[in-house]
């Protein structure tokens, strides 16, 4: 990912694979805190979002005192 793409993602996401990042951006998520309102099961349904990416995103949310949304 280029630096300009990273800047467009606002608060950004931790380093996840390109398919997972494309899935997030394609679904309209541009900042990590937005995921705090989304259930993990919903994110898992996105094409390109795998268990490793979900774990990394969950850890990044936890570092900010956030969690995935409720089911």
Protein backbone atom coordinates (compact mmCIF):
# COMPACT_ATOMS: atom_id res chain seq x y z
CA UNK A 1 0.00 0.00 0.00
CA UNK A 2 1.32 3.41 -0.84
CA UNK A 3 1.65 6.18 1.69
CA UNK A 4 -1.15 8.15 0.03
CA UNK A 5 -3.53 5.20 0.36
CA UNK A 6 -2.64 4.92 4.03
CA UNK A 7 -3.38 8.60 4.55
CA UNK A 8 -6.83 8.17 3.02
CA UNK A 9 -7.81 5.63 5.68
CA UNK A 10 -8.02 8.20 8.48
CA UNK A 11 -7.22 6.48 11.77
CA UNK A 12 -6.17 3.60 9.58
CA UNK A 13 -6.00 -0.07 10.24
CA UNK A 14 -3.21 -2.21 11.60
CA UNK A 15 -1.16 -4.15 9.10
CA UNK A 16 -3.52 -6.78 7.70
CA UNK A 17 -3.38 -8.56 4.38
CA UNK A 18 -4.36 -6.75 1.21
CA UNK A 19 -7.55 -8.82 0.71
CA UNK A 20 -8.75 -7.92 4.21
CA UNK A 21 -7.93 -4.24 3.73
CA UNK A 22 -9.76 -4.21 0.38
CA UNK A 23 -12.74 -5.89 2.05
CA UNK A 24 -12.87 -3.23 4.77
CA UNK A 25 -12.50 -0.32 2.38
CA UNK A 26 -14.99 -1.86 -0.05
CA UNK A 27 -17.53 -2.13 2.75
CA UNK A 28 -17.03 1.55 3.54
CA UNK A 29 -14.87 1.26 6.66
CA UNK A 30 -12.08 3.80 6.62
CA UNK A 31 -11.12 4.05 10.29
CA UNK A 32 -10.47 1.42 12.94
CA UNK A 33 -12.91 2.90 15.49
CA UNK A 34 -15.77 2.31 13.04
CA UNK A 35 -15.34 -1.42 13.64
CA UNK A 36 -16.37 -1.00 17.28
CA UNK A 37 -19.97 -0.79 16.08
CA UNK A 38 -19.75 -3.90 13.88
CA UNK A 39 -20.13 -7.47 15.15
CA UNK A 40 -17.12 -9.66 14.45
CA UNK A 41 -19.42 -12.18 12.72
CA UNK A 42 -20.46 -9.51 10.22
CA UNK A 43 -16.86 -8.66 9.39
CA UNK A 44 -16.07 -12.35 8.99
CA UNK A 45 -18.63 -12.48 6.17
CA UNK A 46 -16.65 -9.99 4.06
CA UNK A 47 -14.85 -11.63 1.16
CA UNK A 48 -11.14 -11.51 1.96
CA UNK A 49 -11.53 -11.22 5.72
CA UNK A 50 -9.90 -14.18 7.42
CA UNK A 51 -9.36 -15.27 11.03
CA UNK A 52 -5.88 -13.77 11.20
CA UNK A 53 -7.07 -10.35 10.04
CA UNK A 54 -9.95 -10.46 12.52
CA UNK A 55 -7.51 -11.29 15.32
CA UNK A 56 -5.21 -8.41 14.36
CA UNK A 57 -8.13 -5.98 14.13
CA UNK A 58 -9.50 -7.17 17.47
CA UNK A 59 -6.12 -6.67 19.14
CA UNK A 60 -5.84 -3.17 17.67
CA UNK A 61 -9.30 -2.30 18.96
CA UNK A 62 -8.39 -3.61 22.41
CA UNK A 63 -5.27 -1.43 22.46
CA UNK A 64 -7.58 1.56 22.03
CA UNK A 65 -10.00 0.37 24.70
CA UNK A 66 -12.58 -0.76 22.13
CA UNK A 67 -14.12 -4.07 21.08
CA UNK A 68 -16.12 -5.31 18.12
CA UNK A 69 -19.82 -4.51 18.22
CA UNK A 70 -22.38 -6.79 19.86
CA UNK A 71 -24.03 -9.56 17.83
